[in-house]
Protein backbone atom coordinates (compact mmCIF):
# COMPACT_ATOMS: atom_id res chain seq x y z
CA MET A 1 9.86 -46.14 30.51
CA THR A 2 13.31 -45.41 30.81
CA GLY A 3 13.47 -44.15 27.39
CA THR A 4 10.65 -41.86 28.01
CA LYS A 5 12.41 -40.33 30.67
CA THR A 6 15.76 -40.09 28.83
CA MET A 7 14.03 -38.50 26.05
CA ARG A 8 12.01 -36.10 28.05
CA HIS A 9 15.69 -35.48 30.34
CA LYS A 10 16.86 -34.38 26.36
CA ALA A 11 13.77 -32.39 25.57
CA THR A 12 14.37 -30.29 28.79
CA ALA A 13 17.96 -29.72 28.46
CA ALA A 14 17.46 -28.93 24.87
CA LEU A 15 14.78 -26.07 25.79
CA GLY A 16 16.81 -24.90 28.76
CA ALA A 17 20.22 -24.53 26.33
CA MET A 18 17.06 -22.63 24.17
CA ALA A 19 16.18 -20.66 27.13
CA PHE A 20 20.02 -20.12 28.03
CA ALA A 21 21.13 -18.84 24.52
CA ALA A 22 17.72 -16.52 23.76
CA ALA A 23 18.79 -14.84 27.10
CA ALA A 24 22.19 -14.38 26.63
CA LEU A 25 21.08 -13.13 22.92
CA PHE A 26 18.55 -10.68 24.54
CA ALA A 27 21.60 -9.89 27.15
CA GLY A 28 23.73 -9.42 24.30
CA ASN A 29 21.67 -6.92 22.28
CA ALA A 30 20.20 -5.23 25.63
CA GLN A 31 24.27 -4.37 26.15
CA ALA A 32 24.53 -3.31 22.87
CA GLN A 33 22.38 -0.30 23.20
CA VAL A 34 23.94 2.86 23.24
CA LYS A 35 22.21 5.67 25.61
CA ILE A 36 22.86 8.84 24.78
CA GLY A 37 21.48 11.65 26.91
CA PHE A 38 20.43 15.02 24.78
CA ILE A 39 20.24 18.49 26.83
CA GLY A 40 18.54 21.26 25.29
CA THR A 41 16.49 24.26 25.58
CA LEU A 42 13.19 23.48 24.11
CA SER A 43 11.18 25.53 25.02
CA GLY A 44 10.76 29.62 25.64
CA PRO A 45 12.04 32.11 23.28
CA GLY A 46 15.48 29.87 22.77
CA GLY A 47 13.41 27.05 21.97
CA ALA A 48 13.86 26.92 18.54
CA LEU A 49 17.62 26.63 18.55
CA GLY A 50 17.31 23.45 21.00
CA GLN A 51 14.76 22.37 18.65
CA ASP A 52 16.83 22.96 15.69
CA GLN A 53 19.60 20.54 17.45
CA TYR A 54 17.59 17.62 18.43
CA ASP A 55 15.86 17.38 15.26
CA ALA A 56 19.03 17.02 13.20
CA PHE A 57 20.73 14.99 15.45
CA MET A 58 17.50 12.62 15.26
CA LEU A 59 17.94 12.89 11.47
CA ALA A 60 20.94 11.00 11.60
CA VAL A 61 20.06 8.90 13.44
CA GLU A 62 16.87 7.69 11.56
CA GLN A 63 19.20 8.35 8.31
CA LYS A 64 21.39 5.31 9.95
CA GLY A 65 18.19 2.75 10.77
CA GLY A 66 18.29 3.80 15.02
CA LYS A 67 21.84 3.05 14.97
CA LEU A 68 25.34 5.11 15.34
CA GLY A 69 28.12 3.29 14.45
CA GLY A 70 25.95 0.18 13.65
CA VAL A 71 24.68 -0.14 17.33
CA PRO A 72 20.99 0.51 18.19
CA VAL A 73 21.15 3.69 20.19
CA GLN A 74 18.36 5.33 22.86
CA ILE A 75 18.29 8.85 22.84
CA ILE A 76 17.21 10.30 26.14
CA LYS A 77 16.02 14.01 26.03
CA GLU A 78 15.52 16.68 28.37
CA ASP A 79 14.60 19.91 28.06
CA ASP A 80 16.95 22.71 30.38
CA GLN A 81 14.51 25.52 29.89
CA LEU A 82 17.51 27.96 29.46
CA LYS A 83 18.08 27.34 33.52
CA PRO A 84 21.29 26.24 34.65
CA ASP A 85 19.86 24.70 37.78
CA VAL A 86 17.21 22.60 35.58
CA GLY A 87 20.16 21.69 33.32
CA VAL A 88 21.71 20.23 36.32
CA GLN A 89 19.26 18.44 37.46
CA ALA A 90 18.60 16.84 33.66
CA ALA A 91 22.16 16.19 33.62
CA GLN A 92 22.65 14.64 36.96
CA LYS A 93 18.82 12.71 35.90
CA LEU A 94 20.88 11.37 32.69
CA VAL A 95 24.49 10.25 34.46
CA GLU A 96 22.60 8.77 37.59
CA ARG A 97 19.16 7.48 36.82
CA ASP A 98 19.46 6.66 33.05
CA LYS A 99 23.25 5.96 32.51
CA VAL A 100 23.85 7.24 29.28
CA SER A 101 27.55 6.73 28.20
CA LEU A 102 27.36 10.22 26.28
CA ILE A 103 25.60 13.80 26.54
CA THR A 104 25.04 15.60 23.51
CA GLY A 105 23.35 18.83 22.57
CA VAL A 106 23.11 22.17 24.95
CA THR A 107 22.03 25.16 23.43
CA PHE A 108 23.39 28.09 25.91
CA SER A 109 26.73 29.07 27.62
CA ASN A 110 25.34 29.26 31.30
CA VAL A 111 24.07 26.13 31.17
CA MET A 112 27.04 24.31 29.31
CA MET A 113 28.91 26.72 32.37
CA ALA A 114 26.73 24.60 35.32
CA ILE A 115 26.97 21.18 33.98
CA HIS A 116 30.02 20.88 32.38
CA LYS A 117 32.34 19.80 35.02
CA PRO A 118 29.66 17.60 36.86
CA VAL A 119 29.18 15.55 33.89
CA THR A 120 33.03 15.33 32.72
CA SER A 121 33.77 14.51 36.51
CA ALA A 122 31.68 11.92 36.38
CA GLY A 123 33.42 10.30 33.56
CA VAL A 124 30.55 10.75 31.11
CA VAL A 125 31.73 11.52 27.62
CA MET A 126 30.11 15.12 26.17
CA VAL A 127 29.85 16.36 22.33
CA GLY A 128 28.28 19.67 23.03
CA SER A 129 27.19 21.08 19.35
CA ASN A 130 26.53 24.51 20.22
CA ALA A 131 27.20 26.26 23.46
CA GLY A 132 30.92 27.09 23.77
CA PRO A 133 32.34 29.02 26.67
CA THR A 134 35.36 30.42 26.39
CA PRO A 135 36.30 28.80 29.68
CA ILE A 136 36.09 25.34 28.88
CA ALA A 137 37.70 25.44 25.49
CA GLY A 138 40.75 27.32 27.22
CA ALA A 139 41.89 26.67 31.07
CA GLN A 140 38.69 24.34 32.22
CA CYS A 141 38.87 22.03 29.20
CA SER A 142 38.10 18.67 29.95
CA PRO A 143 39.55 15.30 27.90
CA ASN A 144 35.80 14.20 28.13
CA PHE A 145 34.42 17.03 26.39
CA PHE A 146 34.74 17.59 22.34
CA SER A 147 32.62 20.12 20.24
CA THR A 148 31.53 20.22 16.81
CA SER A 149 30.26 23.95 17.11
CA TRP A 150 33.50 26.49 18.01
CA ASP A 151 34.26 28.41 21.35
CA ASN A 152 32.56 31.82 21.95
CA ASP A 153 35.65 33.78 21.36
CA GLU A 154 36.25 32.33 17.87
CA LEU A 155 33.11 32.82 16.82
CA HIS A 156 33.06 36.88 17.54
CA GLU A 157 36.56 37.02 16.53
CA ALA A 158 35.09 36.47 13.13
CA GLY A 159 32.65 39.03 13.56
CA GLY A 160 35.47 41.83 14.88
CA GLN A 161 37.47 40.66 11.65
CA LEU A 162 34.33 41.04 9.54
CA SER A 163 33.58 44.62 10.54
CA THR A 164 37.00 45.43 9.83
CA ASP A 165 36.92 44.25 6.62
CA LEU A 166 34.12 45.65 5.78
CA GLY A 167 35.80 49.27 7.11
CA TYR A 168 33.48 50.48 9.81
CA LYS A 169 35.60 52.72 12.07
CA LYS A 170 33.03 53.31 14.93
CA MET A 171 30.58 50.04 16.49
CA TYR A 172 28.20 50.07 18.60
CA VAL A 173 27.89 46.74 20.10
CA MET A 174 25.41 44.78 22.33
CA ALA A 175 24.87 41.23 23.63
CA PRO A 176 22.66 39.85 26.54
CA ASN A 177 24.11 40.00 30.02
CA TYR A 178 25.33 36.57 30.56
CA GLN A 179 28.61 34.17 29.74
CA ALA A 180 27.94 33.64 25.87
CA GLY A 181 27.35 37.39 25.93
CA ARG A 182 30.41 38.39 27.42
CA ASP A 183 32.49 36.06 25.44
CA ALA A 184 30.74 37.73 22.34
CA VAL A 185 32.06 41.57 23.49
CA ASN A 186 35.70 40.32 24.54
CA GLY A 187 36.12 38.30 20.92
CA PHE A 188 34.44 40.77 19.05
CA LYS A 189 36.85 43.68 20.21
CA ARG A 190 39.68 41.34 20.22
CA ASP A 191 39.54 41.19 16.43
CA TYR A 192 37.97 44.61 15.44
CA ARG A 193 40.68 47.19 14.82
CA GLY A 194 38.05 50.68 15.06
CA GLN A 195 36.58 52.42 18.01
CA ILE A 196 33.52 50.80 20.12
CA VAL A 197 31.48 53.85 20.96
CA ASP A 198 29.52 51.79 23.70
CA GLU A 199 29.09 48.15 24.63
CA VAL A 200 25.55 47.29 26.10
CA TYR A 201 23.91 44.43 28.35
CA THR A 202 20.84 43.60 27.91
CA GLN A 203 18.74 41.07 30.34
CA VAL A 204 18.40 37.54 28.92
CA ASN A 205 15.46 37.07 26.90
CA GLN A 206 14.43 40.75 27.22
CA PRO A 207 11.34 41.64 24.75
CA ASP A 208 11.47 45.42 24.02
CA TYR A 209 14.89 47.22 22.78
CA SER A 210 13.40 50.05 22.56
CA ALA A 211 15.34 52.22 24.58
CA GLU A 212 18.52 50.95 23.87
CA ILE A 213 17.48 51.55 19.93
CA ALA A 214 17.15 54.84 20.53
CA GLN A 215 20.61 55.27 22.58
CA LEU A 216 22.45 53.57 19.92
CA GLN A 217 20.95 55.82 17.01
CA ALA A 218 21.52 58.99 19.00
CA ALA A 219 25.54 57.36 19.30
CA LYS A 220 25.59 57.36 15.71
CA PRO A 221 28.01 54.68 14.82
CA ASP A 222 29.12 53.31 11.30
CA ALA A 223 27.43 50.01 12.16
CA VAL A 224 26.21 47.90 14.66
CA TYR A 225 27.39 44.80 15.85
CA VAL A 226 24.35 41.86 18.07
CA PHE A 227 24.67 38.95 19.69
CA TYR A 228 20.72 37.73 19.87
CA PRO A 229 20.23 34.30 19.79
CA GLY A 230 16.48 32.41 18.95
CA GLY A 231 13.85 35.19 20.54
CA MET A 232 15.57 37.21 21.54
CA GLY A 233 17.08 38.29 17.98
CA VAL A 234 13.85 38.00 16.50
CA ASN A 235 12.52 40.80 18.51
CA PHE A 236 15.92 42.89 18.28
CA VAL A 237 15.77 42.48 14.17
CA LYS A 238 11.96 43.43 14.05
CA GLN A 239 12.28 46.30 16.02
CA TYR A 240 15.35 48.13 14.58
CA ARG A 241 13.46 47.90 11.16
CA GLN A 242 10.54 49.33 12.99
CA ALA A 243 13.20 52.15 13.66
CA GLY A 244 13.89 52.34 10.32
CA LEU A 245 17.74 51.81 10.83
CA LEU A 246 18.05 48.80 8.96
CA GLY A 247 19.58 50.18 6.17
CA LYS A 248 20.69 53.01 7.76
CA ILE A 249 23.09 51.80 9.82
CA PRO A 250 24.46 48.64 8.77
CA LEU A 251 23.50 45.52 11.15
CA ILE A 252 25.97 43.01 11.29
CA SER A 253 25.27 39.96 14.08
CA VAL A 254 26.14 36.88 14.63
CA SER A 255 23.84 33.86 16.07
CA THR A 256 21.11 36.62 15.96
CA ILE A 257 19.64 35.72 12.06
CA ASP A 258 19.75 32.16 10.98
CA GLY A 259 17.80 29.65 9.89
CA SER A 260 16.23 29.84 13.42
CA THR A 261 15.15 33.03 12.99
CA LEU A 262 14.84 33.86 9.41
CA PRO A 263 11.05 31.86 9.31
CA ALA A 264 9.96 34.46 11.98
CA LEU A 265 11.70 37.34 10.40
CA LYS A 266 11.52 36.83 6.69
CA GLU A 267 12.00 40.26 4.55
CA LEU A 268 12.60 42.28 7.83
CA ALA A 269 15.73 40.95 7.85
CA VAL A 270 16.63 41.46 4.20
CA GLY A 271 20.10 43.77 4.31
CA ALA A 272 21.52 42.20 7.24
CA ILE A 273 25.07 41.05 7.41
CA THR A 274 26.29 38.34 9.44
CA SER A 275 29.50 36.19 10.12
CA ALA A 276 28.67 32.72 10.67
CA PRO A 277 30.60 29.05 10.28
CA TYR A 278 27.65 27.39 8.15
CA SER A 279 25.32 28.62 5.37
CA PRO A 280 22.95 26.21 3.97
CA ASP A 281 24.22 26.95 0.77
CA LEU A 282 27.73 25.59 1.57
CA ASP A 283 28.89 23.73 -1.35
CA ASN A 284 29.68 20.20 -0.42
CA ALA A 285 28.20 16.31 -1.36
CA GLU A 286 27.32 15.82 2.45
CA ASN A 287 25.69 19.51 3.29
CA LYS A 288 23.67 19.14 -0.08
CA GLN A 289 22.18 15.90 0.94
CA PHE A 290 21.84 17.39 4.62
CA VAL A 291 19.83 20.62 3.52
CA THR A 292 17.62 18.68 0.75
CA ALA A 293 16.67 15.83 3.99
CA PHE A 294 16.27 18.31 6.67
CA GLN A 295 13.89 20.46 4.37
CA LYS A 296 11.93 17.40 3.67
CA LYS A 297 11.62 16.04 6.56
CA TYR A 298 11.08 19.44 8.81
CA ASN A 299 9.56 21.27 5.83
CA ARG A 300 12.60 24.76 7.08
CA LEU A 301 16.14 25.47 6.27
CA PRO A 302 18.70 24.12 8.68
CA SER A 303 20.57 26.72 10.85
CA MET A 304 23.75 26.46 12.29
CA TYR A 305 22.58 24.91 15.39
CA ALA A 306 21.37 21.84 13.30
CA ALA A 307 24.30 21.78 10.92
CA GLN A 308 26.40 21.40 14.36
CA SER A 309 24.48 18.78 15.97
CA TYR A 310 24.10 16.68 12.65
CA ASP A 311 28.19 16.90 12.91
CA ALA A 312 27.85 16.19 16.29
CA ALA A 313 26.11 12.40 15.31
CA ASN A 314 28.16 11.76 12.83
CA LEU A 315 31.12 11.91 15.11
CA ILE A 316 29.22 9.62 17.30
CA ASP A 317 28.67 7.24 14.51
CA SER A 318 32.35 7.27 13.36
CA ALA A 319 33.72 7.25 17.14
CA LEU A 320 31.41 4.25 17.84
CA THR A 321 32.39 2.30 14.32
CA LYS A 322 35.81 2.52 15.50
CA THR A 323 34.74 0.61 19.32
CA LYS A 324 32.56 -1.33 18.06
CA GLY A 325 30.03 0.16 20.26
CA ASN A 326 32.42 -0.33 23.31
CA VAL A 327 31.73 2.93 25.50
CA THR A 328 32.91 1.22 28.51
CA ASP A 329 36.54 2.05 27.14
CA LYS A 330 37.02 5.96 27.39
CA GLU A 331 40.42 6.05 26.75
CA ALA A 332 39.50 4.21 23.31
CA LEU A 333 36.15 6.11 23.05
CA ARG A 334 37.77 9.39 23.26
CA ALA A 335 40.36 8.52 20.95
CA ALA A 336 37.82 7.61 18.38
CA LEU A 337 36.00 10.98 18.99
CA LYS A 338 39.56 13.13 18.73
CA ARG A 339 39.94 11.26 15.20
CA ALA A 340 36.77 12.90 13.59
CA ASP A 341 36.63 10.46 10.93
CA PHE A 342 33.19 11.65 9.24
CA LYS A 343 32.68 13.71 6.66
CA SER A 344 30.96 17.17 8.01
CA VAL A 345 28.70 19.49 6.61
CA ARG A 346 30.48 22.60 6.86
CA GLY A 347 33.71 20.91 5.13
CA ALA A 348 37.14 20.19 6.36
CA PHE A 349 36.89 19.12 10.30
CA LYS A 350 39.58 18.47 12.44
CA PHE A 351 39.85 19.21 16.15
CA GLY A 352 42.91 20.99 18.50
CA SER A 353 44.67 20.18 21.08
CA ASN A 354 41.54 21.33 23.31
CA GLN A 355 38.99 19.19 21.36
CA PHE A 356 37.34 22.03 19.41
CA PRO A 357 37.36 22.16 16.23
CA ILE A 358 39.68 24.24 14.37
CA ALA A 359 37.34 25.83 12.10
CA GLN A 360 36.63 28.95 9.32
CA PHE A 361 33.63 31.18 9.05
CA TYR A 362 31.86 33.03 6.26
CA ARG A 363 29.55 36.27 5.30
CA VAL A 364 26.37 35.18 5.25
CA ASP A 365 24.18 38.11 3.92
CA VAL A 366 20.41 38.38 4.04
CA VAL A 367 18.96 38.51 1.02
CA LYS A 368 15.63 38.32 -1.24
CA ASP A 369 15.01 34.89 -3.47
CA THR A 370 13.03 35.23 -6.38
CA ALA A 371 9.31 34.50 -4.41
CA GLY A 372 10.68 37.03 -2.16
CA ALA A 373 11.59 35.00 0.88
CA ALA A 374 14.72 36.12 2.81
CA PHE A 375 17.44 33.74 3.06
CA ALA A 376 21.54 33.20 3.93
CA THR A 377 24.05 32.68 1.12
CA LYS A 378 27.73 32.15 1.79
CA GLY A 379 30.21 35.04 0.93
CA MET A 380 34.00 35.46 1.50
CA ILE A 381 35.64 33.32 4.20
CA VAL A 382 35.78 35.54 7.07
CA ILE A 383 38.18 33.78 9.05
CA LYS A 384 40.04 30.36 8.15
CA GLN A 385 41.25 27.58 10.10
CA ARG A 386 41.71 29.23 13.67
CA ASN A 387 41.43 28.12 17.54
CA ASP A 388 43.08 30.70 19.52
CA LEU A 389 42.56 29.30 22.85
CA ALA A 390 43.82 26.00 22.30
CA ALA A 391 47.26 27.20 23.89
CA GLN A 392 45.35 27.86 27.44
CA CYS A 393 44.26 24.05 27.35
CA LYS A 394 46.51 21.85 29.70
CA MET A 395 44.21 18.33 28.95
CA LYS A 396 44.52 16.53 31.54
CA SER A 397 43.31 12.91 31.31
């Protein structure tokens, strides 16, 4: 009887130990999973941009077996609808309810301006993959914010330099009236060496540009420079073509004709010239495999939005590898991100002191391929290795 009780006691103890071990293992696995919030504009005229960001990020996660840095990750997606207040609500949900360790994405600058301080002040690390408002690259920089794209000034300084290089003496400039649009015009004027005939600001998501196109035609500029991302760009370019101006008054643009809008524009965009930080035909091994994998999975060429978000996933992967999945030590996580020890699809990649890339920009023309479809092709380097706003950033830990 005593022996039986002893055996039962040992068996119970063994089962208890096994249960404890299983619970510990489960807890360890649960603790190891890193929650990452993704915020992007996923609906409306700008939805294609955010979708490109999300698709590319998820492609990188899929390629790594559902892990980043060897750690299982859970991606929680939120649509900001291009509304700053909705973006703030999404950020609050991710930080307070979902308890994410990092937030990535963010498509438009007005949303970024609304969520940047609340998120970074809460101690959550952000890895932006598109929106780069000038203030947060300069005086309002944060040790908890990293970008894999560019700051708005830098993006359009390249457009101004390209227009100067092409010899255009009189430019007509157009952009939507919000943070990125105003940054666009300021950045363009900084590096353009000719005369600005006029600068026109239109409503965000304005569908009809016929009145503005008539006005610019009457102004008789040498060329037109526009910044119209997403559906705005599709509408503007179609109407510019319909007015008979594409090919007559050269169209120079940034973030207007790219992988997110070419599928809708096709041959209508042929002849336009863009300044861009990325082109699908950049000649490096990482980009070649990325373009092949993206096309195979999504049946379209990746845009710069996709490329920057793919880089964001690989940047986070490199950081989590260094911290062995530890996201609680924020100083170690930030240091690992700052090292940027990954291979970018854009080529050489390193951060400036404001944690924005020191990047180069290319001339990308819209041409016809042998099948008659339009696509972008890399041309000359417009600006090489530049990050002007870093000097205005006095990083506070």
